[in-house]
């Protein structure tokens, strides 16, 4: 299952709408494949933003609270957005826009994930770059006075 949310979390978030949104026409049971696909897509979006700065998936218990909240909002947006011919409820689209803004801020370092210790940040590639070449002909010493 997911790194941040479960089917039970999604069901608790959507409450009475859960069965309506995830039961295909003509069926009598929730299609768990659809639920799992939305969970995977929502978590992928969260990881996509956060991978810019952090090692994903996030595992710190405190930071997971935010990741779970963001993933639930995005999953809710996916669930409502899958209904043909129906516009998203304004509250859902507002929360999803806020979640994306917060994810962008977290990825840019403008927002912290709420962890007691620093969450493992992804390192840049500069630690692995080796530059080799001939000794420079023009240095500060040889160019002095020019």
N, C-alpha and C. Protein backbone atom coordinates (compact mmCIF):
# COMPACT_ATOMS: atom_id res chain seq x y z
N UNK A 1 0.85 -1.18 0.00
CA UNK A 1 0.00 0.00 0.00
C UNK A 1 0.88 1.23 0.00
N UNK A 2 0.27 2.38 0.15
CA UNK A 2 0.97 3.65 0.03
C UNK A 2 1.94 3.95 1.16
N UNK A 3 2.78 4.92 0.93
CA UNK A 3 3.75 5.36 1.92
C UNK A 3 3.15 6.33 2.92
N UNK A 4 2.11 7.05 2.52
CA UNK A 4 1.55 8.08 3.38
C UNK A 4 0.10 7.82 3.78
N UNK A 5 -0.69 7.27 2.87
CA UNK A 5 -2.12 7.06 3.15
C UNK A 5 -2.55 5.65 2.76
N UNK A 6 -3.66 5.23 3.36
CA UNK A 6 -4.22 3.90 3.08
C UNK A 6 -5.65 4.06 2.57
N UNK A 7 -6.23 2.96 2.14
CA UNK A 7 -7.65 2.99 1.72
C UNK A 7 -8.54 3.45 2.86
N UNK A 8 -8.22 3.01 4.06
CA UNK A 8 -9.01 3.41 5.23
C UNK A 8 -8.95 4.92 5.44
N UNK A 9 -7.77 5.51 5.23
CA UNK A 9 -7.63 6.97 5.34
C UNK A 9 -8.51 7.67 4.31
N UNK A 10 -8.49 7.16 3.09
CA UNK A 10 -9.29 7.76 2.01
C UNK A 10 -10.78 7.63 2.33
N UNK A 11 -11.19 6.45 2.81
CA UNK A 11 -12.59 6.24 3.16
C UNK A 11 -13.02 7.18 4.28
N UNK A 12 -12.16 7.36 5.27
CA UNK A 12 -12.49 8.28 6.38
C UNK A 12 -12.57 9.72 5.89
N UNK A 13 -11.74 10.09 4.94
CA UNK A 13 -11.75 11.45 4.40
C UNK A 13 -13.01 11.72 3.59
N UNK A 14 -13.40 10.77 2.75
CA UNK A 14 -14.54 10.98 1.86
C UNK A 14 -15.88 10.64 2.49
N UNK A 15 -15.85 9.92 3.59
CA UNK A 15 -17.04 9.53 4.34
C UNK A 15 -18.10 8.90 3.44
N UNK A 16 -19.29 9.50 3.39
CA UNK A 16 -20.40 8.92 2.63
C UNK A 16 -20.17 8.93 1.13
N UNK A 17 -19.30 9.79 0.65
CA UNK A 17 -19.04 9.87 -0.79
C UNK A 17 -18.13 8.76 -1.28
N UNK A 18 -17.44 8.09 -0.37
CA UNK A 18 -16.45 7.08 -0.76
C UNK A 18 -17.05 6.02 -1.68
N UNK A 19 -18.13 5.39 -1.26
CA UNK A 19 -18.73 4.33 -2.06
C UNK A 19 -19.26 4.86 -3.38
N UNK A 20 -19.85 6.04 -3.37
CA UNK A 20 -20.38 6.62 -4.59
C UNK A 20 -19.27 6.90 -5.60
N UNK A 21 -18.18 7.45 -5.11
CA UNK A 21 -17.09 7.84 -6.00
C UNK A 21 -16.28 6.65 -6.53
N UNK A 22 -16.21 5.59 -5.75
CA UNK A 22 -15.36 4.47 -6.13
C UNK A 22 -16.11 3.20 -6.53
N UNK A 23 -17.41 3.27 -6.68
CA UNK A 23 -18.17 2.12 -7.18
C UNK A 23 -18.54 2.41 -8.62
N UNK A 24 -18.10 1.54 -9.52
CA UNK A 24 -18.38 1.73 -10.94
C UNK A 24 -19.87 1.51 -11.24
N UNK A 25 -20.39 2.17 -12.26
CA UNK A 25 -21.80 1.97 -12.61
C UNK A 25 -22.10 0.49 -12.89
N UNK A 26 -23.18 0.00 -12.33
CA UNK A 26 -23.57 -1.39 -12.51
C UNK A 26 -22.91 -2.34 -11.53
N UNK A 27 -22.00 -1.85 -10.72
CA UNK A 27 -21.32 -2.68 -9.72
C UNK A 27 -21.92 -2.41 -8.35
N UNK A 28 -21.67 -3.32 -7.43
CA UNK A 28 -22.23 -3.16 -6.09
C UNK A 28 -21.15 -2.96 -5.02
N UNK A 29 -19.90 -3.10 -5.43
CA UNK A 29 -18.80 -2.99 -4.46
C UNK A 29 -17.79 -1.94 -4.93
N UNK A 30 -17.09 -1.39 -3.96
CA UNK A 30 -16.04 -0.41 -4.25
C UNK A 30 -14.93 -1.07 -5.06
N UNK A 31 -14.48 -0.38 -6.10
CA UNK A 31 -13.38 -0.88 -6.91
C UNK A 31 -12.06 -0.43 -6.26
N UNK A 32 -11.45 -1.34 -5.51
CA UNK A 32 -10.23 -1.00 -4.77
C UNK A 32 -9.07 -0.66 -5.69
N UNK A 33 -9.12 -1.12 -6.93
CA UNK A 33 -8.07 -0.79 -7.89
C UNK A 33 -8.08 0.71 -8.18
N UNK A 34 -9.27 1.29 -8.27
CA UNK A 34 -9.38 2.74 -8.48
C UNK A 34 -8.86 3.51 -7.27
N UNK A 35 -9.21 3.04 -6.09
CA UNK A 35 -8.74 3.69 -4.86
C UNK A 35 -7.22 3.65 -4.81
N UNK A 36 -6.65 2.47 -5.07
CA UNK A 36 -5.19 2.32 -5.03
C UNK A 36 -4.51 3.19 -6.09
N UNK A 37 -5.11 3.30 -7.26
CA UNK A 37 -4.54 4.13 -8.32
C UNK A 37 -4.53 5.60 -7.91
N UNK A 38 -5.61 6.06 -7.28
CA UNK A 38 -5.65 7.45 -6.81
C UNK A 38 -4.65 7.69 -5.69
N UNK A 39 -4.50 6.73 -4.79
CA UNK A 39 -3.51 6.84 -3.71
C UNK A 39 -2.11 6.95 -4.32
N UNK A 40 -1.82 6.09 -5.27
CA UNK A 40 -0.50 6.09 -5.90
C UNK A 40 -0.24 7.41 -6.62
N UNK A 41 -1.25 7.93 -7.32
CA UNK A 41 -1.08 9.19 -8.05
C UNK A 41 -0.88 10.36 -7.08
N UNK A 42 -1.67 10.37 -6.01
CA UNK A 42 -1.55 11.46 -5.03
C UNK A 42 -0.19 11.43 -4.34
N UNK A 43 0.25 10.25 -3.93
CA UNK A 43 1.55 10.14 -3.28
C UNK A 43 2.68 10.45 -4.26
N UNK A 44 2.49 10.08 -5.51
CA UNK A 44 3.49 10.41 -6.53
C UNK A 44 3.64 11.91 -6.72
N UNK A 45 2.52 12.61 -6.63
CA UNK A 45 2.56 14.07 -6.73
C UNK A 45 3.31 14.67 -5.54
N UNK A 46 3.00 14.18 -4.34
CA UNK A 46 3.69 14.66 -3.14
C UNK A 46 5.19 14.40 -3.27
N UNK A 47 5.56 13.18 -3.63
CA UNK A 47 6.97 12.85 -3.78
C UNK A 47 7.62 13.65 -4.91
N UNK A 48 6.87 13.91 -5.97
CA UNK A 48 7.40 14.68 -7.09
C UNK A 48 7.82 16.08 -6.67
N UNK A 49 7.00 16.72 -5.85
CA UNK A 49 7.36 18.04 -5.33
C UNK A 49 8.54 17.94 -4.37
N UNK A 50 8.43 17.04 -3.39
CA UNK A 50 9.42 17.00 -2.31
C UNK A 50 10.77 16.45 -2.75
N UNK A 51 10.81 15.67 -3.83
CA UNK A 51 12.08 15.09 -4.29
C UNK A 51 13.05 16.16 -4.75
N UNK A 52 12.54 17.34 -5.00
CA UNK A 52 13.42 18.45 -5.38
C UNK A 52 14.39 18.79 -4.25
N UNK A 53 13.96 18.54 -3.00
CA UNK A 53 14.77 18.92 -1.85
C UNK A 53 15.08 17.77 -0.90
N UNK A 54 14.18 16.78 -0.81
CA UNK A 54 14.30 15.73 0.20
C UNK A 54 14.43 14.36 -0.43
N UNK A 55 14.95 13.42 0.36
CA UNK A 55 14.94 12.02 -0.04
C UNK A 55 13.52 11.50 0.16
N UNK A 56 12.94 10.95 -0.86
CA UNK A 56 11.57 10.44 -0.76
C UNK A 56 11.58 8.93 -0.89
N UNK A 57 10.62 8.23 -0.31
CA UNK A 57 9.52 8.77 0.47
C UNK A 57 10.01 9.27 1.83
N UNK A 58 9.29 10.26 2.34
CA UNK A 58 9.59 10.83 3.65
C UNK A 58 9.25 9.78 4.70
N UNK A 59 10.13 9.60 5.70
CA UNK A 59 9.88 8.58 6.72
C UNK A 59 9.82 9.14 8.14
N UNK A 60 10.22 10.39 8.34
CA UNK A 60 10.18 10.98 9.66
C UNK A 60 8.72 11.08 10.13
N UNK A 61 8.46 10.63 11.35
CA UNK A 61 7.08 10.57 11.86
C UNK A 61 6.39 11.93 11.87
N UNK A 62 7.11 12.97 12.26
CA UNK A 62 6.51 14.31 12.30
C UNK A 62 6.24 14.83 10.89
N UNK A 63 7.17 14.63 10.00
CA UNK A 63 7.02 15.10 8.63
C UNK A 63 5.93 14.32 7.89
N UNK A 64 5.70 13.08 8.30
CA UNK A 64 4.66 12.26 7.67
C UNK A 64 3.27 12.86 7.84
N UNK A 65 3.06 13.61 8.92
CA UNK A 65 1.74 14.22 9.15
C UNK A 65 1.38 15.15 8.00
N UNK A 66 2.32 15.98 7.57
CA UNK A 66 2.05 16.88 6.45
C UNK A 66 1.89 16.10 5.15
N UNK A 67 2.76 15.13 4.93
CA UNK A 67 2.69 14.34 3.70
C UNK A 67 1.34 13.62 3.60
N UNK A 68 0.87 13.11 4.72
CA UNK A 68 -0.42 12.43 4.75
C UNK A 68 -1.55 13.41 4.41
N UNK A 69 -1.51 14.59 5.02
CA UNK A 69 -2.55 15.59 4.75
C UNK A 69 -2.55 16.00 3.29
N UNK A 70 -1.38 16.25 2.72
CA UNK A 70 -1.30 16.64 1.31
C UNK A 70 -1.80 15.52 0.41
N UNK A 71 -1.38 14.29 0.69
CA UNK A 71 -1.79 13.16 -0.15
C UNK A 71 -3.30 12.95 -0.08
N UNK A 72 -3.90 13.11 1.08
CA UNK A 72 -5.35 12.96 1.20
C UNK A 72 -6.10 14.02 0.40
N UNK A 73 -5.63 15.24 0.46
CA UNK A 73 -6.28 16.31 -0.31
C UNK A 73 -6.18 16.03 -1.80
N UNK A 74 -5.01 15.61 -2.26
CA UNK A 74 -4.83 15.33 -3.68
C UNK A 74 -5.62 14.11 -4.12
N UNK A 75 -5.72 13.12 -3.24
CA UNK A 75 -6.51 11.93 -3.54
C UNK A 75 -8.00 12.29 -3.64
N UNK A 76 -8.44 13.14 -2.75
CA UNK A 76 -9.83 13.60 -2.77
C UNK A 76 -10.12 14.33 -4.08
N UNK A 77 -9.18 15.15 -4.52
CA UNK A 77 -9.34 15.87 -5.78
C UNK A 77 -9.45 14.88 -6.95
N UNK A 78 -8.61 13.86 -6.93
CA UNK A 78 -8.66 12.84 -7.99
C UNK A 78 -9.99 12.10 -7.99
N UNK A 79 -10.49 11.77 -6.80
CA UNK A 79 -11.75 11.03 -6.70
C UNK A 79 -12.91 11.84 -7.26
N UNK A 80 -13.02 13.08 -6.86
CA UNK A 80 -14.11 13.92 -7.36
C UNK A 80 -13.93 14.27 -8.83
N UNK A 81 -12.69 14.43 -9.25
CA UNK A 81 -12.42 14.79 -10.64
C UNK A 81 -12.68 13.68 -11.63
N UNK A 82 -12.80 12.45 -11.16
CA UNK A 82 -13.02 11.32 -12.05
C UNK A 82 -14.48 11.16 -12.46
N UNK A 83 -15.38 11.90 -11.82
CA UNK A 83 -16.80 11.79 -12.15
C UNK A 83 -17.05 12.61 -13.41
N UNK A 84 -17.46 11.95 -14.52
CA UNK A 84 -17.65 12.67 -15.78
C UNK A 84 -18.76 13.72 -15.67
N UNK A 85 -18.50 14.89 -16.25
CA UNK A 85 -19.50 15.94 -16.31
C UNK A 85 -19.77 16.65 -15.00
N UNK A 86 -18.96 16.40 -14.00
CA UNK A 86 -19.18 17.02 -12.70
C UNK A 86 -18.00 17.91 -12.37
N UNK A 87 -18.30 19.13 -11.93
CA UNK A 87 -17.24 20.03 -11.51
C UNK A 87 -16.82 19.68 -10.09
N UNK A 88 -15.56 19.94 -9.79
CA UNK A 88 -15.06 19.70 -8.44
C UNK A 88 -15.76 20.64 -7.47
N UNK A 89 -16.08 20.14 -6.29
CA UNK A 89 -16.60 21.05 -5.26
C UNK A 89 -15.55 22.13 -4.98
N UNK A 90 -16.02 23.35 -4.76
CA UNK A 90 -15.10 24.47 -4.56
C UNK A 90 -14.15 24.24 -3.38
N UNK A 91 -14.66 23.62 -2.32
CA UNK A 91 -13.81 23.36 -1.15
C UNK A 91 -12.67 22.41 -1.50
N UNK A 92 -12.93 21.44 -2.35
CA UNK A 92 -11.90 20.48 -2.75
C UNK A 92 -10.84 21.16 -3.61
N UNK A 93 -11.27 21.95 -4.58
CA UNK A 93 -10.29 22.61 -5.45
C UNK A 93 -9.48 23.65 -4.68
N UNK A 94 -10.09 24.33 -3.71
CA UNK A 94 -9.37 25.29 -2.89
C UNK A 94 -8.31 24.60 -2.04
N UNK A 95 -8.70 23.47 -1.41
CA UNK A 95 -7.72 22.73 -0.59
C UNK A 95 -6.60 22.16 -1.44
N UNK A 96 -6.92 21.68 -2.65
CA UNK A 96 -5.89 21.11 -3.53
C UNK A 96 -4.91 22.19 -3.98
N UNK A 97 -5.42 23.37 -4.29
CA UNK A 97 -4.54 24.48 -4.69
C UNK A 97 -3.63 24.88 -3.54
N UNK A 98 -4.18 24.92 -2.33
CA UNK A 98 -3.37 25.26 -1.15
C UNK A 98 -2.32 24.19 -0.90
N UNK A 99 -2.68 22.93 -1.08
CA UNK A 99 -1.72 21.83 -0.88
C UNK A 99 -0.58 21.93 -1.88
N UNK A 100 -0.90 22.22 -3.14
CA UNK A 100 0.16 22.35 -4.15
C UNK A 100 1.07 23.54 -3.84
N UNK A 101 0.49 24.63 -3.36
CA UNK A 101 1.29 25.79 -2.98
C UNK A 101 2.23 25.43 -1.83
N UNK A 102 1.71 24.73 -0.82
CA UNK A 102 2.53 24.33 0.31
C UNK A 102 3.61 23.34 -0.11
N UNK A 103 3.27 22.43 -1.00
CA UNK A 103 4.27 21.48 -1.50
C UNK A 103 5.39 22.22 -2.23
N UNK A 104 5.02 23.20 -3.04
CA UNK A 104 6.03 24.00 -3.73
C UNK A 104 6.91 24.75 -2.76
N UNK A 105 6.29 25.31 -1.72
CA UNK A 105 7.06 26.02 -0.69
C UNK A 105 8.01 25.08 0.05
N UNK A 106 7.54 23.88 0.35
CA UNK A 106 8.39 22.89 1.03
C UNK A 106 9.55 22.48 0.13
N UNK A 107 9.28 22.31 -1.15
CA UNK A 107 10.34 21.93 -2.08
C UNK A 107 11.38 23.02 -2.24
N UNK A 108 10.95 24.28 -2.12
CA UNK A 108 11.87 25.40 -2.26
C UNK A 108 12.54 25.79 -0.94
N UNK A 109 12.17 25.12 0.15
CA UNK A 109 12.76 25.41 1.45
C UNK A 109 12.10 26.56 2.18
N UNK A 110 10.97 27.06 1.67
CA UNK A 110 10.26 28.16 2.32
C UNK A 110 9.35 27.66 3.44
N UNK A 111 9.10 26.36 3.46
CA UNK A 111 8.24 25.75 4.47
C UNK A 111 8.93 24.50 4.98
N UNK A 112 8.92 24.31 6.29
CA UNK A 112 9.54 23.12 6.88
C UNK A 112 8.50 22.02 7.01
N UNK A 113 8.95 20.80 7.10
CA UNK A 113 8.03 19.67 7.18
C UNK A 113 7.58 19.36 8.60
N UNK A 114 8.04 20.12 9.57
CA UNK A 114 7.59 19.92 10.94
C UNK A 114 8.32 18.84 11.70
N UNK A 115 9.44 18.41 11.19
CA UNK A 115 10.21 17.35 11.85
C UNK A 115 11.05 17.94 12.97
N UNK A 116 11.21 17.19 14.04
CA UNK A 116 12.04 17.63 15.16
C UNK A 116 13.51 17.74 14.74
N UNK A 117 13.92 16.82 13.89
CA UNK A 117 15.27 16.87 13.34
C UNK A 117 15.13 17.14 11.85
N UNK A 118 16.20 17.54 11.25
CA UNK A 118 16.17 17.85 9.83
C UNK A 118 15.89 16.58 9.03
N UNK A 119 14.91 16.66 8.16
CA UNK A 119 14.59 15.54 7.28
C UNK A 119 15.72 15.42 6.27
N UNK A 120 16.07 14.20 5.92
CA UNK A 120 17.20 13.97 5.02
C UNK A 120 16.97 14.68 3.69
N UNK A 121 17.86 15.62 3.40
CA UNK A 121 17.77 16.35 2.15
C UNK A 121 18.55 15.63 1.07
N UNK A 122 18.08 15.74 -0.14
CA UNK A 122 18.79 15.16 -1.27
C UNK A 122 20.04 15.99 -1.51
N UNK A 123 21.13 15.33 -1.80
CA UNK A 123 22.38 16.06 -2.05
C UNK A 123 22.45 16.42 -3.53
N UNK A 124 23.16 17.50 -3.80
CA UNK A 124 23.33 17.87 -5.19
C UNK A 124 24.48 17.05 -5.78
N UNK A 125 24.73 17.21 -7.03
CA UNK A 125 25.75 16.40 -7.71
C UNK A 125 27.15 16.94 -7.53
N UNK A 126 27.33 18.10 -6.89
CA UNK A 126 28.65 18.70 -6.80
C UNK A 126 29.65 17.85 -6.02
N UNK A 127 29.17 16.98 -5.15
CA UNK A 127 30.07 16.13 -4.39
C UNK A 127 30.69 15.04 -5.23
N UNK A 128 30.22 14.80 -6.44
CA UNK A 128 30.74 13.73 -7.27
C UNK A 128 31.45 14.21 -8.52
N UNK A 129 31.52 15.52 -8.71
CA UNK A 129 32.13 16.03 -9.93
C UNK A 129 33.63 16.15 -9.74
N UNK A 130 34.38 15.59 -10.67
CA UNK A 130 35.84 15.68 -10.65
C UNK A 130 36.25 16.48 -11.87
N UNK A 131 37.00 17.55 -11.62
CA UNK A 131 37.47 18.37 -12.72
C UNK A 131 38.98 18.17 -12.84
N UNK A 132 39.41 17.73 -14.00
CA UNK A 132 40.83 17.50 -14.23
C UNK A 132 41.26 18.27 -15.47
N UNK A 133 42.47 18.76 -15.45
CA UNK A 133 42.96 19.49 -16.62
C UNK A 133 44.40 19.96 -16.39
N UNK A 134 44.96 20.59 -17.39
CA UNK A 134 46.32 21.12 -17.31
C UNK A 134 46.36 22.29 -16.34
N UNK A 135 47.56 22.59 -15.85
CA UNK A 135 47.74 23.75 -14.98
C UNK A 135 47.37 24.99 -15.78
N UNK A 136 46.67 25.93 -15.17
CA UNK A 136 46.28 27.15 -15.91
C UNK A 136 47.49 28.02 -16.24
N UNK A 137 47.47 28.60 -17.42
CA UNK A 137 48.55 29.48 -17.86
C UNK A 137 48.34 30.86 -17.26
N UNK A 138 47.12 31.30 -17.23
CA UNK A 138 46.81 32.62 -16.70
C UNK A 138 46.24 32.47 -15.30
N UNK A 139 46.99 32.95 -14.33
CA UNK A 139 46.56 32.90 -12.94
C UNK A 139 46.55 34.31 -12.39
N UNK A 140 46.18 34.47 -11.14
CA UNK A 140 46.18 35.80 -10.52
C UNK A 140 47.59 36.38 -10.50
N UNK A 141 48.55 35.54 -10.26
CA UNK A 141 49.93 36.01 -10.18
C UNK A 141 50.42 36.46 -11.56
N UNK A 142 50.18 35.69 -12.61
CA UNK A 142 50.68 36.05 -13.94
C UNK A 142 49.88 37.16 -14.57
N UNK A 143 48.68 37.39 -14.13
CA UNK A 143 47.83 38.43 -14.71
C UNK A 143 47.88 39.73 -13.92
N UNK A 144 48.66 39.75 -12.83
CA UNK A 144 48.71 40.94 -12.00
C UNK A 144 49.24 42.13 -12.81
N UNK A 145 48.53 43.24 -12.68
CA UNK A 145 48.92 44.44 -13.40
C UNK A 145 48.20 44.63 -14.73
N UNK A 146 47.47 43.68 -15.17
CA UNK A 146 46.75 43.82 -16.44
C UNK A 146 45.38 44.33 -16.21
